Amino acid sequence: MATLDQLRICKSCGNVFSKKAGATNITECPQCKGTSFDQIVTETDSEDVYLDELD
């Protein structure tokens, strides 16, 4: 599971993905290889906001 603040949205294709894979920072979109991202911002400061991982 990932918290919302750990996710990015690719500005090119709209893909949503995690900033990290293990200890590795992801610097490009895994789907289209784009490098321009938006970060998901929540209106709550809760650390308990999670998204289920999709397979």
PDB file of N, CA and C in Angstrom:
ATOM      1  N   MET A   1       0.838  -1.175   0.000  1.00  0.00           N
ATOM      2  CA  MET A   1       0.000   0.000   0.000  1.00  0.00           C
ATOM      3  C   MET A   1       0.886   1.243   0.000  1.00  0.00           C
ATOM      4  N   ALA A   2       0.360   2.287  -0.591  1.00  0.00           N
ATOM      5  CA  ALA A   2       1.082   3.555  -0.650  1.00  0.00           C
ATOM      6  C   ALA A   2       0.176   4.658  -0.123  1.00  0.00           C
ATOM      7  N   THR A   3       0.769   5.619   0.577  1.00  0.00           N
ATOM      8  CA  THR A   3      -0.018   6.769   0.999  1.00  0.00           C
ATOM      9  C   THR A   3      -0.164   7.704  -0.191  1.00  0.00           C
ATOM     10  N   LEU A   4      -1.179   8.533  -0.163  1.00  0.00           N
ATOM     11  CA  LEU A   4      -1.437   9.441  -1.282  1.00  0.00           C
ATOM     12  C   LEU A   4      -0.259  10.363  -1.564  1.00  0.00           C
ATOM     13  N   ASP A   5       0.438  10.814  -0.509  1.00  0.00           N
ATOM     14  CA  ASP A   5       1.548  11.737  -0.729  1.00  0.00           C
ATOM     15  C   ASP A   5       2.774  11.059  -1.337  1.00  0.00           C
ATOM     16  N   GLN A   6       2.735   9.739  -1.509  1.00  0.00           N
ATOM     17  CA  GLN A   6       3.831   9.008  -2.130  1.00  0.00           C
ATOM     18  C   GLN A   6       3.570   8.752  -3.616  1.00  0.00           C
ATOM     19  N   LEU A   7       2.481   9.304  -4.147  1.00  0.00           N
ATOM     20  CA  LEU A   7       2.120   9.029  -5.536  1.00  0.00           C
ATOM     21  C   LEU A   7       2.337  10.242  -6.427  1.00  0.00           C
ATOM     22  N   ARG A   8       2.616   9.978  -7.691  1.00  0.00           N
ATOM     23  CA  ARG A   8       2.765  11.007  -8.716  1.00  0.00           C
ATOM     24  C   ARG A   8       1.802  10.717  -9.855  1.00  0.00           C
ATOM     25  N   ILE A   9       1.457  11.765 -10.591  1.00  0.00           N
ATOM     26  CA  ILE A   9       0.618  11.636 -11.784  1.00  0.00           C
ATOM     27  C   ILE A   9       1.429  12.160 -12.961  1.00  0.00           C
ATOM     28  N   CYS A  10       1.577  11.345 -13.990  1.00  0.00           N
ATOM     29  CA  CYS A  10       2.297  11.756 -15.191  1.00  0.00           C
ATOM     30  C   CYS A  10       1.453  12.782 -15.946  1.00  0.00           C
ATOM     31  N   LYS A  11       2.035  13.939 -16.258  1.00  0.00           N
ATOM     32  CA  LYS A  11       1.307  14.979 -16.993  1.00  0.00           C
ATOM     33  C   LYS A  11       1.065  14.583 -18.446  1.00  0.00           C
ATOM     34  N   SER A  12       1.865  13.670 -18.984  1.00  0.00           N
ATOM     35  CA  SER A  12       1.723  13.264 -20.385  1.00  0.00           C
ATOM     36  C   SER A  12       0.596  12.264 -20.590  1.00  0.00           C
ATOM     37  N   CYS A  13       0.567  11.201 -19.761  1.00  0.00           N
ATOM     38  CA  CYS A  13      -0.395  10.120 -20.012  1.00  0.00           C
ATOM     39  C   CYS A  13      -1.411   9.916 -18.891  1.00  0.00           C
ATOM     40  N   GLY A  14      -1.230  10.569 -17.729  1.00  0.00           N
ATOM     41  CA  GLY A  14      -2.173  10.434 -16.627  1.00  0.00           C
ATOM     42  C   GLY A  14      -1.941   9.228 -15.742  1.00  0.00           C
ATOM     43  N   ASN A  15      -0.881   8.476 -15.994  1.00  0.00           N
ATOM     44  CA  ASN A  15      -0.555   7.309 -15.185  1.00  0.00           C
ATOM     45  C   ASN A  15      -0.263   7.738 -13.748  1.00  0.00           C
ATOM     46  N   VAL A  16      -0.763   6.980 -12.775  1.00  0.00           N
ATOM     47  CA  VAL A  16      -0.506   7.240 -11.363  1.00  0.00           C
ATOM     48  C   VAL A  16       0.438   6.159 -10.865  1.00  0.00           C
ATOM     49  N   PHE A  17       1.541   6.580 -10.233  1.00  0.00           N
ATOM     50  CA  PHE A  17       2.541   5.618  -9.775  1.00  0.00           C
ATOM     51  C   PHE A  17       3.272   6.164  -8.560  1.00  0.00           C
ATOM     52  N   SER A  18       3.960   5.280  -7.857  1.00  0.00           N
ATOM     53  CA  SER A  18       4.687   5.622  -6.647  1.00  0.00           C
ATOM     54  C   SER A  18       5.983   6.352  -6.975  1.00  0.00           C
ATOM     55  N   LYS A  19       6.430   7.235  -6.062  1.00  0.00           N
ATOM     56  CA  LYS A  19       7.700   7.939  -6.231  1.00  0.00           C
ATOM     57  C   LYS A  19       8.887   7.001  -6.096  1.00  0.00           C
ATOM     58  N   LYS A  20       8.704   5.907  -5.363  1.00  0.00           N
ATOM     59  CA  LYS A  20       9.815   5.000  -5.084  1.00  0.00           C
ATOM     60  C   LYS A  20       9.431   3.566  -5.383  1.00  0.00           C
ATOM     61  N   ALA A  21      10.432   2.802  -5.776  1.00  0.00           N
ATOM     62  CA  ALA A  21      10.306   1.349  -5.905  1.00  0.00           C
ATOM     63  C   ALA A  21      11.397   0.784  -5.015  1.00  0.00           C
ATOM     64  N   GLY A  22      11.035   0.375  -3.815  1.00  0.00           N
ATOM     65  CA  GLY A  22      12.042  -0.034  -2.836  1.00  0.00           C
ATOM     66  C   GLY A  22      12.834   1.192  -2.412  1.00  0.00           C
ATOM     67  N   ALA A  23      14.158   1.149  -2.574  1.00  0.00           N
ATOM     68  CA  ALA A  23      15.011   2.283  -2.224  1.00  0.00           C
ATOM     69  C   ALA A  23      15.303   3.173  -3.427  1.00  0.00           C
ATOM     70  N   THR A  24      14.795   2.805  -4.604  1.00  0.00           N
ATOM     71  CA  THR A  24      15.086   3.531  -5.842  1.00  0.00           C
ATOM     72  C   THR A  24      14.028   4.591  -6.126  1.00  0.00           C
ATOM     73  N   ASN A  25      14.451   5.827  -6.361  1.00  0.00           N
ATOM     74  CA  ASN A  25      13.534   6.887  -6.779  1.00  0.00           C
ATOM     75  C   ASN A  25      13.199   6.699  -8.248  1.00  0.00           C
ATOM     76  N   ILE A  26      11.924   6.783  -8.583  1.00  0.00           N
ATOM     77  CA  ILE A  26      11.490   6.655  -9.970  1.00  0.00           C
ATOM     78  C   ILE A  26      11.524   8.049 -10.595  1.00  0.00           C
ATOM     79  N   THR A  27      12.287   8.208 -11.668  1.00  0.00           N
ATOM     80  CA  THR A  27      12.479   9.520 -12.278  1.00  0.00           C
ATOM     81  C   THR A  27      11.739   9.690 -13.596  1.00  0.00           C
ATOM     82  N   GLU A  28      11.106   8.617 -14.090  1.00  0.00           N
ATOM     83  CA  GLU A  28      10.312   8.724 -15.315  1.00  0.00           C
ATOM     84  C   GLU A  28       9.093   7.829 -15.196  1.00  0.00           C
ATOM     85  N   CYS A  29       8.057   8.173 -15.933  1.00  0.00           N
ATOM     86  CA  CYS A  29       6.822   7.398 -15.925  1.00  0.00           C
ATOM     87  C   CYS A  29       7.093   5.998 -16.469  1.00  0.00           C
ATOM     88  N   PRO A  30       6.703   4.959 -15.740  1.00  0.00           N
ATOM     89  CA  PRO A  30       6.926   3.598 -16.222  1.00  0.00           C
ATOM     90  C   PRO A  30       6.111   3.265 -17.474  1.00  0.00           C
ATOM     91  N   GLN A  31       5.064   4.032 -17.745  1.00  0.00           N
ATOM     92  CA  GLN A  31       4.204   3.746 -18.892  1.00  0.00           C
ATOM     93  C   GLN A  31       4.682   4.437 -20.170  1.00  0.00           C
ATOM     94  N   CYS A  32       4.953   5.754 -20.102  1.00  0.00           N
ATOM     95  CA  CYS A  32       5.291   6.500 -21.325  1.00  0.00           C
ATOM     96  C   CYS A  32       6.693   7.094 -21.304  1.00  0.00           C
ATOM     97  N   LYS A  33       7.416   6.908 -20.203  1.00  0.00           N
ATOM     98  CA  LYS A  33       8.778   7.428 -20.015  1.00  0.00           C
ATOM     99  C   LYS A  33       8.825   8.951 -19.911  1.00  0.00           C
ATOM    100  N   GLY A  34       7.675   9.594 -19.663  1.00  0.00           N
ATOM    101  CA  GLY A  34       7.630  11.041 -19.470  1.00  0.00           C
ATOM    102  C   GLY A  34       8.311  11.434 -18.166  1.00  0.00           C
ATOM    103  N   THR A  35       8.725  12.695 -18.059  1.00  0.00           N
ATOM    104  CA  THR A  35       9.434  13.152 -16.862  1.00  0.00           C
ATOM    105  C   THR A  35       8.777  14.366 -16.206  1.00  0.00           C
ATOM    106  N   SER A  36       7.548  14.684 -16.582  1.00  0.00           N
ATOM    107  CA  SER A  36       6.826  15.803 -15.993  1.00  0.00           C
ATOM    108  C   SER A  36       5.668  15.251 -15.159  1.00  0.00           C
ATOM    109  N   PHE A  37       5.680  15.558 -13.843  1.00  0.00           N
ATOM    110  CA  PHE A  37       4.721  14.955 -12.922  1.00  0.00           C
ATOM    111  C   PHE A  37       4.011  15.993 -12.071  1.00  0.00           C
ATOM    112  N   ASP A  38       2.816  15.632 -11.615  1.00  0.00           N
ATOM    113  CA  ASP A  38       2.120  16.337 -10.549  1.00  0.00           C
ATOM    114  C   ASP A  38       2.117  15.411  -9.353  1.00  0.00           C
ATOM    115  N   GLN A  39       2.093  15.995  -8.165  1.00  0.00           N
ATOM    116  CA  GLN A  39       2.025  15.195  -6.950  1.00  0.00           C
ATOM    117  C   GLN A  39       0.616  15.290  -6.393  1.00  0.00           C
ATOM    118  N   ILE A  40       0.097  14.187  -5.901  1.00  0.00           N
ATOM    119  CA  ILE A  40      -1.236  14.172  -5.299  1.00  0.00           C
ATOM    120  C   ILE A  40      -1.167  14.900  -3.963  1.00  0.00           C
ATOM    121  N   VAL A  41      -2.068  15.859  -3.773  1.00  0.00           N
ATOM    122  CA  VAL A  41      -2.121  16.631  -2.539  1.00  0.00           C
ATOM    123  C   VAL A  41      -3.460  16.351  -1.880  1.00  0.00           C
ATOM    124  N   THR A  42      -3.422  15.976  -0.608  1.00  0.00           N
ATOM    125  CA  THR A  42      -4.659  15.704   0.124  1.00  0.00           C
ATOM    126  C   THR A  42      -5.076  16.946   0.902  1.00  0.00           C
ATOM    127  N   GLU A  43      -6.350  17.025   1.186  1.00  0.00           N
ATOM    128  CA  GLU A  43      -6.853  18.147   1.970  1.00  0.00           C
ATOM    129  C   GLU A  43      -6.810  17.847   3.457  1.00  0.00           C
ATOM    130  N   THR A  44      -6.310  16.692   3.807  1.00  0.00           N
ATOM    131  CA  THR A  44      -6.173  16.307   5.204  1.00  0.00           C
ATOM    132  C   THR A  44      -4.712  15.993   5.474  1.00  0.00           C
ATOM    133  N   ASP A  45      -4.262  16.201   6.674  1.00  0.00           N
ATOM    134  CA  ASP A  45      -2.882  15.893   7.033  1.00  0.00           C
ATOM    135  C   ASP A  45      -2.756  14.495   7.615  1.00  0.00           C
ATOM    136  N   SER A  46      -3.786  13.692   7.455  1.00  0.00           N
ATOM    137  CA  SER A  46      -3.801  12.358   8.036  1.00  0.00           C
ATOM    138  C   SER A  46      -2.781  11.446   7.372  1.00  0.00           C
ATOM    139  N   GLU A  47      -2.024  10.727   8.171  1.00  0.00           N
ATOM    140  CA  GLU A  47      -1.079   9.725   7.668  1.00  0.00           C
ATOM    141  C   GLU A  47      -1.795   8.410   7.391  1.00  0.00           C
ATOM    142  N   ASP A  48      -3.086   8.333   7.733  1.00  0.00           N
ATOM    143  CA  ASP A  48      -3.826   7.085   7.600  1.00  0.00           C
ATOM    144  C   ASP A  48      -4.585   6.977   6.283  1.00  0.00           C
ATOM    145  N   VAL A  49      -4.315   7.853   5.321  1.00  0.00           N
ATOM    146  CA  VAL A  49      -4.984   7.811   4.028  1.00  0.00           C
ATOM    147  C   VAL A  49      -4.176   6.905   3.107  1.00  0.00           C
ATOM    148  N   TYR A  50      -4.766   5.789   2.693  1.00  0.00           N
ATOM    149  CA  TYR A  50      -4.067   4.814   1.856  1.00  0.00           C
ATOM    150  C   TYR A  50      -4.891   4.472   0.629  1.00  0.00           C
ATOM    151  N   LEU A  51      -4.208   4.077  -0.429  1.00  0.00           N
ATOM    152  CA  LEU A  51      -4.851   3.503  -1.604  1.00  0.00           C
ATOM    153  C   LEU A  51      -4.448   2.046  -1.672  1.00  0.00           C
ATOM    154  N   ASP A  52      -5.365   1.176  -2.059  1.00  0.00           N
ATOM    155  CA  ASP A  52      -5.014  -0.221  -2.273  1.00  0.00           C
ATOM    156  C   ASP A  52      -4.201  -0.326  -3.548  1.00  0.00           C
ATOM    157  N   GLU A  53      -3.169  -1.159  -3.518  1.00  0.00           N
ATOM    158  CA  GLU A  53      -2.375  -1.381  -4.720  1.00  0.00           C
ATOM    159  C   GLU A  53      -3.191  -2.198  -5.703  1.00  0.00           C
ATOM    160  N   LEU A  54      -3.106  -1.841  -6.962  1.00  0.00           N
ATOM    161  CA  LEU A  54      -3.811  -2.562  -8.013  1.00  0.00           C
ATOM    162  C   LEU A  54      -2.821  -3.431  -8.761  1.00  0.00           C
ATOM    163  N   ASP A  55      -3.207  -4.649  -9.068  1.00  0.00           N
ATOM    164  CA  ASP A  55      -2.323  -5.536  -9.836  1.00  0.00           C
ATOM    165  C   ASP A  55      -2.774  -5.593 -11.260  1.00  0.00           C
TER     166      ASP A  55
END
